[in-house]
Amino acid sequence: MEYNNTIDLFKELSEKYTIQKIACFLGLHKGTILRWVEKKEVPNNYKPDFLRILGVKSDKETSVKEKDQYYTKKEVAKKCLSKFKEVAINL
């Protein structure tokens, strides 16, 4: 089967697994999955997870943006940690 969009993948996944099981696989609350069903909308960034769960190999490289994986820059993290320590000392 050709997987062109995330909703088709989700439909196939929901034929094989319960809402609770899908939520568990993805580390989400089942209410999130139920909202997808109700709105008939699934975020595109779950496509790689759906493919993995279904055991489908993909030749397409998924970008960081497509996976919705953004990371904090090192200097920002250091500034946040420093501020946290400053505030925590005064507690």
N, C-alpha and C. Protein backbone atom coordinates (compact mmCIF):
# COMPACT_ATOMS: atom_id res chain seq x y z
N MET A 1 0.84 -1.20 0.00
CA MET A 1 0.00 0.00 0.00
C MET A 1 0.88 1.25 0.00
N GLU A 2 0.47 2.23 -0.76
CA GLU A 2 1.19 3.51 -0.83
C GLU A 2 0.65 4.43 0.27
N TYR A 3 1.57 5.01 1.04
CA TYR A 3 1.17 5.88 2.15
C TYR A 3 1.47 7.32 1.78
N ASN A 4 0.48 8.00 1.26
CA ASN A 4 0.67 9.37 0.83
C ASN A 4 0.37 10.39 1.91
N ASN A 5 -0.49 10.03 2.85
CA ASN A 5 -0.80 11.00 3.89
C ASN A 5 -0.96 10.33 5.25
N THR A 6 -0.86 11.14 6.26
CA THR A 6 -0.87 10.67 7.63
C THR A 6 -2.21 10.08 8.03
N ILE A 7 -3.30 10.63 7.51
CA ILE A 7 -4.63 10.13 7.89
C ILE A 7 -4.84 8.70 7.41
N ASP A 8 -4.33 8.36 6.22
CA ASP A 8 -4.43 6.98 5.73
C ASP A 8 -3.65 6.03 6.63
N LEU A 9 -2.48 6.46 7.04
CA LEU A 9 -1.68 5.64 7.96
C LEU A 9 -2.41 5.44 9.28
N PHE A 10 -2.99 6.53 9.78
CA PHE A 10 -3.72 6.44 11.05
C PHE A 10 -4.91 5.49 10.93
N LYS A 11 -5.62 5.55 9.82
CA LYS A 11 -6.77 4.65 9.61
C LYS A 11 -6.33 3.20 9.64
N GLU A 12 -5.22 2.90 8.97
CA GLU A 12 -4.72 1.52 8.98
C GLU A 12 -4.29 1.11 10.38
N LEU A 13 -3.64 2.00 11.07
CA LEU A 13 -3.20 1.73 12.43
C LEU A 13 -4.39 1.46 13.35
N SER A 14 -5.45 2.26 13.19
CA SER A 14 -6.62 2.10 14.05
C SER A 14 -7.44 0.85 13.72
N GLU A 15 -7.21 0.26 12.56
CA GLU A 15 -7.84 -1.02 12.24
C GLU A 15 -7.13 -2.17 12.94
N LYS A 16 -5.86 -1.97 13.28
CA LYS A 16 -5.05 -3.02 13.91
C LYS A 16 -4.97 -2.90 15.43
N TYR A 17 -5.07 -1.67 15.92
CA TYR A 17 -4.87 -1.43 17.35
C TYR A 17 -5.99 -0.57 17.94
N THR A 18 -6.19 -0.70 19.23
CA THR A 18 -7.18 0.11 19.94
C THR A 18 -6.63 1.53 20.12
N ILE A 19 -7.52 2.44 20.42
CA ILE A 19 -7.14 3.83 20.70
C ILE A 19 -6.15 3.87 21.86
N GLN A 20 -6.43 3.09 22.89
CA GLN A 20 -5.56 3.05 24.06
C GLN A 20 -4.15 2.56 23.70
N LYS A 21 -4.08 1.55 22.85
CA LYS A 21 -2.79 0.98 22.44
C LYS A 21 -2.01 2.00 21.60
N ILE A 22 -2.69 2.67 20.68
CA ILE A 22 -2.03 3.69 19.86
C ILE A 22 -1.49 4.81 20.75
N ALA A 23 -2.30 5.25 21.70
CA ALA A 23 -1.87 6.29 22.63
C ALA A 23 -0.62 5.84 23.40
N CYS A 24 -0.62 4.60 23.82
CA CYS A 24 0.52 4.05 24.55
C CYS A 24 1.77 4.02 23.67
N PHE A 25 1.63 3.55 22.45
CA PHE A 25 2.76 3.51 21.50
C PHE A 25 3.39 4.89 21.33
N LEU A 26 2.53 5.92 21.27
CA LEU A 26 2.99 7.27 20.98
C LEU A 26 3.29 8.10 22.22
N GLY A 27 2.97 7.56 23.39
CA GLY A 27 3.19 8.31 24.63
C GLY A 27 2.24 9.49 24.77
N LEU A 28 1.01 9.30 24.29
CA LEU A 28 0.00 10.36 24.33
C LEU A 28 -1.19 9.94 25.18
N HIS A 29 -1.99 10.90 25.58
CA HIS A 29 -3.25 10.61 26.27
C HIS A 29 -4.26 10.13 25.23
N LYS A 30 -5.10 9.18 25.61
CA LYS A 30 -6.06 8.66 24.63
C LYS A 30 -7.03 9.74 24.14
N GLY A 31 -7.22 10.79 24.92
CA GLY A 31 -8.07 11.92 24.50
C GLY A 31 -7.51 12.61 23.26
N THR A 32 -6.20 12.62 23.14
CA THR A 32 -5.56 13.21 21.96
C THR A 32 -5.94 12.41 20.72
N ILE A 33 -5.86 11.10 20.84
CA ILE A 33 -6.19 10.21 19.72
C ILE A 33 -7.68 10.34 19.38
N LEU A 34 -8.52 10.40 20.40
CA LEU A 34 -9.96 10.56 20.17
C LEU A 34 -10.26 11.88 19.46
N ARG A 35 -9.51 12.91 19.77
CA ARG A 35 -9.69 14.21 19.09
C ARG A 35 -9.34 14.08 17.60
N TRP A 36 -8.29 13.32 17.30
CA TRP A 36 -7.93 13.09 15.90
C TRP A 36 -9.08 12.41 15.16
N VAL A 37 -9.67 11.41 15.82
CA VAL A 37 -10.78 10.66 15.21
C VAL A 37 -11.95 11.60 14.98
N GLU A 38 -12.29 12.38 16.00
CA GLU A 38 -13.43 13.28 15.91
C GLU A 38 -13.25 14.34 14.81
N LYS A 39 -12.06 14.92 14.74
CA LYS A 39 -11.81 15.99 13.77
C LYS A 39 -11.36 15.46 12.41
N LYS A 40 -11.07 14.16 12.35
CA LYS A 40 -10.55 13.55 11.12
C LYS A 40 -9.28 14.27 10.65
N GLU A 41 -8.45 14.62 11.62
CA GLU A 41 -7.18 15.30 11.38
C GLU A 41 -6.11 14.67 12.25
N VAL A 42 -4.96 14.40 11.64
CA VAL A 42 -3.83 13.85 12.38
C VAL A 42 -2.60 14.68 12.03
N PRO A 43 -1.84 15.15 13.05
CA PRO A 43 -0.64 15.94 12.75
C PRO A 43 0.36 15.14 11.90
N ASN A 44 0.90 15.80 10.89
CA ASN A 44 1.83 15.14 9.97
C ASN A 44 3.10 14.63 10.64
N ASN A 45 3.49 15.24 11.76
CA ASN A 45 4.74 14.83 12.38
C ASN A 45 4.68 13.42 12.99
N TYR A 46 3.49 12.80 13.02
CA TYR A 46 3.38 11.42 13.52
C TYR A 46 3.58 10.38 12.43
N LYS A 47 3.72 10.80 11.19
CA LYS A 47 3.88 9.86 10.08
C LYS A 47 5.04 8.88 10.30
N PRO A 48 6.25 9.34 10.68
CA PRO A 48 7.33 8.38 10.91
C PRO A 48 7.01 7.36 12.00
N ASP A 49 6.31 7.81 13.05
CA ASP A 49 5.91 6.89 14.12
C ASP A 49 4.93 5.85 13.62
N PHE A 50 3.95 6.28 12.83
CA PHE A 50 2.96 5.35 12.28
C PHE A 50 3.64 4.31 11.39
N LEU A 51 4.55 4.77 10.54
CA LEU A 51 5.28 3.84 9.66
C LEU A 51 6.06 2.83 10.50
N ARG A 52 6.72 3.30 11.55
CA ARG A 52 7.50 2.41 12.43
C ARG A 52 6.59 1.38 13.09
N ILE A 53 5.47 1.82 13.64
CA ILE A 53 4.55 0.91 14.33
C ILE A 53 4.00 -0.14 13.37
N LEU A 54 3.71 0.29 12.14
CA LEU A 54 3.17 -0.63 11.13
C LEU A 54 4.25 -1.50 10.50
N GLY A 55 5.51 -1.23 10.83
CA GLY A 55 6.61 -2.01 10.28
C GLY A 55 6.91 -1.72 8.83
N VAL A 56 6.58 -0.50 8.40
CA VAL A 56 6.80 -0.10 7.01
C VAL A 56 8.15 0.62 6.90
N LYS A 57 8.98 0.13 6.02
CA LYS A 57 10.28 0.77 5.77
C LYS A 57 10.07 1.92 4.79
N SER A 58 10.69 3.04 5.09
CA SER A 58 10.58 4.19 4.20
C SER A 58 11.97 4.59 3.73
N ASP A 59 12.10 4.80 2.43
CA ASP A 59 13.38 5.24 1.87
C ASP A 59 13.56 6.74 2.02
N LYS A 60 12.47 7.43 2.28
CA LYS A 60 12.52 8.89 2.38
C LYS A 60 13.10 9.29 3.74
N GLU A 61 14.08 10.16 3.70
CA GLU A 61 14.68 10.70 4.92
C GLU A 61 13.73 11.74 5.50
N THR A 62 13.41 11.61 6.77
CA THR A 62 12.51 12.55 7.44
C THR A 62 13.34 13.66 8.08
N SER A 63 13.00 14.90 7.76
CA SER A 63 13.76 16.03 8.31
C SER A 63 13.38 16.28 9.76
N VAL A 64 14.24 17.01 10.44
CA VAL A 64 13.98 17.39 11.83
C VAL A 64 12.68 18.16 11.92
N LYS A 65 12.43 19.04 10.95
CA LYS A 65 11.21 19.84 10.94
C LYS A 65 9.98 18.95 10.79
N GLU A 66 10.06 17.96 9.89
CA GLU A 66 8.93 17.04 9.68
C GLU A 66 8.64 16.23 10.94
N LYS A 67 9.68 15.90 11.69
CA LYS A 67 9.51 15.14 12.93
C LYS A 67 9.08 16.04 14.08
N ASP A 68 9.11 17.36 13.84
CA ASP A 68 8.76 18.34 14.86
C ASP A 68 9.70 18.24 16.06
N GLN A 69 10.98 18.04 15.76
CA GLN A 69 11.98 17.93 16.81
C GLN A 69 12.90 19.16 16.75
N TYR A 70 12.61 20.07 17.60
CA TYR A 70 13.41 21.27 17.67
C TYR A 70 14.15 21.26 19.00
N TYR A 71 15.36 21.76 18.99
CA TYR A 71 16.19 21.69 20.18
C TYR A 71 16.61 23.08 20.62
N THR A 72 16.79 23.22 21.92
CA THR A 72 17.24 24.48 22.49
C THR A 72 18.74 24.62 22.26
N LYS A 73 19.17 25.80 21.85
CA LYS A 73 20.59 26.05 21.65
C LYS A 73 21.31 25.99 22.99
N LYS A 74 22.57 25.59 22.95
CA LYS A 74 23.37 25.40 24.15
C LYS A 74 23.43 26.67 25.01
N GLU A 75 23.63 27.82 24.37
CA GLU A 75 23.75 29.06 25.14
C GLU A 75 22.43 29.44 25.83
N VAL A 76 21.31 29.14 25.19
CA VAL A 76 20.01 29.41 25.80
C VAL A 76 19.78 28.49 26.99
N ALA A 77 20.15 27.23 26.84
CA ALA A 77 20.01 26.26 27.94
C ALA A 77 20.86 26.68 29.13
N LYS A 78 22.08 27.14 28.88
CA LYS A 78 22.96 27.58 29.97
C LYS A 78 22.36 28.78 30.70
N LYS A 79 21.80 29.73 29.94
CA LYS A 79 21.19 30.92 30.54
C LYS A 79 19.98 30.52 31.41
N CYS A 80 19.17 29.59 30.91
CA CYS A 80 18.00 29.12 31.66
C CYS A 80 18.43 28.41 32.95
N LEU A 81 19.46 27.57 32.86
CA LEU A 81 19.95 26.87 34.04
C LEU A 81 20.50 27.84 35.07
N SER A 82 21.23 28.83 34.59
CA SER A 82 21.79 29.84 35.49
C SER A 82 20.67 30.59 36.22
N LYS A 83 19.65 30.99 35.48
CA LYS A 83 18.52 31.71 36.07
C LYS A 83 17.77 30.82 37.06
N PHE A 84 17.61 29.55 36.72
CA PHE A 84 16.94 28.60 37.62
C PHE A 84 17.71 28.50 38.94
N LYS A 85 19.01 28.36 38.85
CA LYS A 85 19.83 28.25 40.07
C LYS A 85 19.70 29.51 40.91
N GLU A 86 19.72 30.66 40.26
CA GLU A 86 19.59 31.94 40.95
C GLU A 86 18.26 32.01 41.70
N VAL A 87 17.18 31.61 41.07
CA VAL A 87 15.86 31.65 41.69
C VAL A 87 15.73 30.58 42.76
N ALA A 88 16.26 29.38 42.50
CA ALA A 88 16.12 28.26 43.44
C ALA A 88 16.85 28.54 44.76
N ILE A 89 17.95 29.24 44.72
CA ILE A 89 18.71 29.56 45.93
C ILE A 89 17.86 30.42 46.87
N ASN A 90 17.02 31.27 46.32
CA ASN A 90 16.20 32.17 47.12
C ASN A 90 14.89 31.56 47.61
N LEU A 91 14.66 30.31 47.32
CA LEU A 91 13.42 29.67 47.78
C LEU A 91 13.49 29.23 49.21
